[in-house]
Each structure stands twice: as C-alpha cells, then as structure tokens.
Amino acid sequence: MVERIKERGREREPEETLYDFNYRFRQDYLRKRREGEIVLRGRDRSWQESRQGLHKWFCNVKFWDQQAVPYWSMFIIRIKNHSGKHVHQGGLGLYVLEGKGYTVVDGVRYDWEKDDVIILPVKPEGCEHQHFNADPNGPPVEWIAFIFNPFSEAMGHPLEQKEDAPEWKGSTVPTRHVT
C-alpha cells in the first residue's frame, strides 16, 4: 500500500492594507524630514547655465528626499543682460538680492531694485515674463525664487519656453513643453 504524503505549501503573505501602507509611508516621510538638510549652504551648490540664465539651485525635486522640507523649488538666478522668456503659472515670489532691473509680464514693464519682491500673478493660462538687467554693461542682477510646488502643480504647471537667455549655448528653444 502506498502512503500519500500531502505537502503543505507556503502560506500567502497577507497583503498590506492601504492604511498600513499609508502609515508606513508617513513614518518614513517623517523620518526623512527629521534627518533632512536644514541649512542649505550656497558654497555647496554650483552655478549652472540654463535657458533662463545662470542658476544656483538650493531646492529642486532632485534634492527633495534629502531635505527637511520638500516640495519647494528655490534658486538664485544671475542675469547679465536678460533672462530667457517663458510662460508658466504665477503664484511665486522673487526676492531681489543685487542690482536694478525690470520684469516684463504680459507686455507690461515693472521696475525693481535690490530688496524688492516680485510676485508673478496667477492667471488661467499662466503669464509670459522675462527679466532684464537695467545696466547690461554693469554687474549682473540676482534674485532668488521661492516656488511652492504643490500650489503650482494644482494649477496644472504649464511651461513654455519662448526665448533663451543670450548666454545659453545649449540646444535651441523647444516649441512647447508641458510638465
């Protein structure tokens, strides 16, 4: 007589509930915030030429997992002559660090100087804008941008590059890029 042996298979692991996933995600998120960068040192950031001008990024989606507070974009831009021209949703602030210049928003000129704040308006289709150094033969102007990305994302965050900064030596302007 042959004896039957029944092998017991491995039991399925219980699936993680959405609540448990959310709880684990939240704990990990809070740990990353406690351990993240609090002081972002300018000397640790490099300047990069871009379509808009010379940038020094402090907060960017690329660094969010390393920072105490994610979801912000913060960068300094240095403009010798003028920035590139582009269209995106407003609702962000620019604090002028150095120099004197002006910004053209939807064809209207707004003059500014050191210690001024520029607020780009929230408009359904975004706002076309470009920044200029009032003395392109003098020292460059600098401002720092503060963008809270969840606000920007909630508005669709369109981006269209219309014209590159004169110093940009990279590829040509794309016709339209939506992010």
Protein backbone atom coordinates (compact mmCIF):
# COMPACT_ATOMS: atom_id res chain seq x y z
CA MET A 1 0.00 0.00 0.00
CA VAL A 2 1.26 3.46 -0.97
CA GLU A 3 1.08 6.09 1.65
CA ARG A 4 0.09 9.56 0.49
CA ILE A 5 2.05 12.46 1.85
CA LYS A 6 0.47 15.84 1.49
CA GLU A 7 2.93 18.68 1.40
CA ARG A 8 1.80 21.89 2.85
CA GLY A 9 2.54 24.84 0.59
CA ARG A 10 3.79 28.14 1.84
CA GLU A 11 1.01 30.33 3.08
CA ARG A 12 0.49 33.57 1.21
CA GLU A 13 1.77 36.63 2.94
CA PRO A 14 -1.12 38.81 3.96
CA GLU A 15 -1.45 41.81 1.66
CA GLU A 16 -0.60 45.14 3.16
CA THR A 17 -3.70 47.22 3.63
CA LEU A 18 -3.79 50.72 2.22
CA TYR A 19 -3.99 52.03 5.77
CA ASP A 20 -0.81 50.12 6.71
CA PHE A 21 0.95 51.32 3.55
CA ASN A 22 -0.09 54.90 4.32
CA TYR A 23 1.09 54.57 7.93
CA ARG A 24 4.47 53.13 6.88
CA PHE A 25 4.84 55.79 4.17
CA ARG A 26 4.05 58.55 6.68
CA GLN A 27 6.56 57.21 9.21
CA ASP A 28 9.25 57.07 6.53
CA TYR A 29 8.34 60.57 5.36
CA LEU A 30 8.63 61.96 8.91
CA ARG A 31 11.97 60.20 9.45
CA LYS A 32 13.34 61.75 6.24
CA ARG A 33 12.15 65.21 7.36
CA ARG A 34 13.85 64.83 10.77
CA GLU A 35 17.09 63.72 9.14
CA GLY A 36 16.95 66.05 6.12
CA GLU A 37 19.08 69.10 5.37
CA ILE A 38 18.08 72.17 7.32
CA VAL A 39 20.81 74.60 6.27
CA LEU A 40 21.38 74.71 2.52
CA ARG A 41 24.80 76.28 2.01
CA GLY A 42 25.46 78.35 -1.09
CA ARG A 43 29.08 77.22 -1.15
CA ASP A 44 27.84 73.63 -1.58
CA ARG A 45 25.79 74.49 -4.66
CA SER A 46 27.24 75.14 -8.09
CA TRP A 47 26.18 77.61 -10.77
CA GLN A 48 24.63 76.14 -13.92
CA GLU A 49 23.95 77.91 -17.20
CA SER A 50 20.39 77.37 -18.43
CA ARG A 51 17.90 78.72 -20.93
CA GLN A 52 16.83 81.29 -18.33
CA GLY A 53 20.27 82.45 -17.19
CA LEU A 54 22.82 81.38 -14.60
CA HIS A 55 21.15 79.34 -11.81
CA LYS A 56 22.22 78.16 -8.38
CA TRP A 57 19.63 75.64 -7.16
CA PHE A 58 19.00 75.12 -3.44
CA CYS A 59 15.74 73.18 -3.51
CA ASN A 60 14.72 71.10 -6.50
CA VAL A 61 12.73 67.92 -6.98
CA LYS A 62 16.09 66.17 -7.40
CA PHE A 63 17.01 67.02 -3.77
CA TRP A 64 13.63 66.70 -2.01
CA ASP A 65 14.39 63.31 -0.47
CA GLN A 66 17.45 64.86 1.21
CA GLN A 67 15.81 67.98 2.65
CA ALA A 68 13.91 68.68 5.85
CA VAL A 69 11.12 70.37 3.88
CA PRO A 70 10.41 69.04 0.38
CA TYR A 71 8.13 70.39 -2.35
CA TRP A 72 9.86 73.76 -2.69
CA SER A 73 11.88 75.00 -5.62
CA MET A 74 14.36 77.67 -4.59
CA PHE A 75 17.15 79.04 -6.73
CA ILE A 76 19.18 82.16 -7.34
CA ILE A 77 19.37 83.44 -10.88
CA ARG A 78 22.11 85.79 -12.08
CA ILE A 79 21.28 87.88 -15.16
CA LYS A 80 23.92 89.74 -17.16
CA ASN A 81 21.67 91.12 -19.90
CA HIS A 82 18.26 89.46 -19.76
CA SER A 83 16.75 86.10 -18.88
CA GLY A 84 15.02 83.83 -21.28
CA LYS A 85 11.34 84.48 -21.91
CA HIS A 86 8.86 81.85 -20.85
CA VAL A 87 5.28 81.24 -19.79
CA HIS A 88 4.25 79.41 -16.65
CA GLN A 89 1.72 79.77 -13.89
CA GLY A 90 2.49 82.58 -11.48
CA GLY A 91 1.91 82.50 -7.76
CA LEU A 92 5.59 82.64 -6.88
CA GLY A 93 7.87 85.20 -5.30
CA LEU A 94 11.25 86.55 -6.37
CA TYR A 95 13.39 88.49 -3.88
CA VAL A 96 15.96 90.82 -5.49
CA LEU A 97 19.40 90.25 -3.91
CA GLU A 98 21.55 92.53 -6.08
CA GLY A 99 21.16 95.12 -8.79
CA LYS A 100 18.46 97.03 -10.54
CA GLY A 101 16.30 95.90 -13.41
CA TYR A 102 12.82 95.27 -14.65
CA THR A 103 10.48 92.43 -15.49
CA VAL A 104 8.08 92.41 -18.43
CA VAL A 105 4.91 90.47 -17.57
CA ASP A 106 2.46 90.02 -20.45
CA GLY A 107 3.92 93.05 -22.21
CA VAL A 108 3.91 95.39 -19.17
CA ARG A 109 7.20 96.62 -17.65
CA TYR A 110 7.72 96.55 -13.86
CA ASP A 111 10.91 98.16 -12.48
CA TRP A 112 12.65 96.74 -9.39
CA GLU A 113 15.87 97.03 -7.39
CA LYS A 114 17.73 95.36 -4.51
CA ASP A 115 15.45 94.31 -1.61
CA ASP A 116 12.28 94.41 -3.74
CA VAL A 117 9.95 91.42 -4.12
CA ILE A 118 8.45 90.47 -7.47
CA ILE A 119 5.20 88.48 -7.35
CA LEU A 120 4.21 86.81 -10.61
CA PRO A 121 0.42 86.79 -10.96
CA VAL A 122 -1.78 83.71 -11.06
CA LYS A 123 -3.58 83.66 -14.40
CA PRO A 124 -5.60 80.87 -16.07
CA GLU A 125 -3.13 80.42 -18.95
CA GLY A 126 -0.02 81.43 -16.98
CA CYS A 127 1.93 84.62 -17.51
CA GLU A 128 4.60 85.36 -20.08
CA HIS A 129 7.57 87.05 -18.47
CA GLN A 130 11.20 88.00 -18.91
CA HIS A 131 13.67 89.71 -16.57
CA PHE A 132 16.17 92.42 -17.58
CA ASN A 133 19.27 93.98 -16.07
CA ALA A 134 18.79 97.79 -16.19
CA ASP A 135 22.56 98.11 -16.83
CA PRO A 136 23.63 95.17 -19.01
CA ASN A 137 27.19 96.61 -19.17
CA GLY A 138 27.41 96.70 -15.37
CA PRO A 139 27.35 93.93 -12.78
CA PRO A 140 24.73 91.19 -13.09
CA VAL A 141 21.48 91.33 -11.15
CA GLU A 142 20.50 88.49 -8.84
CA TRP A 143 17.23 87.35 -7.34
CA ILE A 144 16.09 84.26 -5.51
CA ALA A 145 12.88 82.44 -6.41
CA PHE A 146 10.53 80.74 -3.93
CA ILE A 147 8.07 78.32 -5.53
CA PHE A 148 5.78 76.06 -3.51
CA ASN A 149 5.31 73.20 -5.96
CA PRO A 150 2.02 71.71 -4.66
CA PHE A 151 0.39 75.08 -5.39
CA SER A 152 1.96 75.18 -8.83
CA GLU A 153 1.06 71.56 -9.57
CA ALA A 154 -2.56 72.12 -8.55
CA MET A 155 -2.78 74.79 -11.26
CA GLY A 156 -1.52 72.44 -13.97
CA HIS A 157 2.03 73.87 -14.05
CA PRO A 158 2.30 74.70 -17.75
CA LEU A 159 5.75 75.66 -19.06
CA GLU A 160 6.54 77.06 -22.47
CA GLN A 161 10.00 78.43 -23.34
CA LYS A 162 9.67 81.31 -25.82
CA GLU A 163 13.23 82.69 -25.96
CA ASP A 164 16.57 81.65 -24.46
CA ALA A 165 18.91 83.85 -22.41
CA PRO A 166 21.66 85.27 -24.67
CA GLU A 167 24.40 83.36 -22.80
CA TRP A 168 22.74 79.96 -23.36
CA LYS A 169 24.85 77.83 -25.71
CA GLY A 170 22.80 74.64 -25.41
CA SER A 171 20.10 73.34 -27.70
CA THR A 172 17.50 75.58 -29.29
CA VAL A 173 14.19 76.56 -27.71
CA PRO A 174 11.63 73.75 -27.66
CA THR A 175 8.30 74.69 -29.15
CA ARG A 176 6.27 73.66 -26.09
CA HIS A 177 6.93 71.55 -23.04
CA VAL A 178 4.21 70.81 -20.53
CA THR A 179 5.16 69.39 -17.13
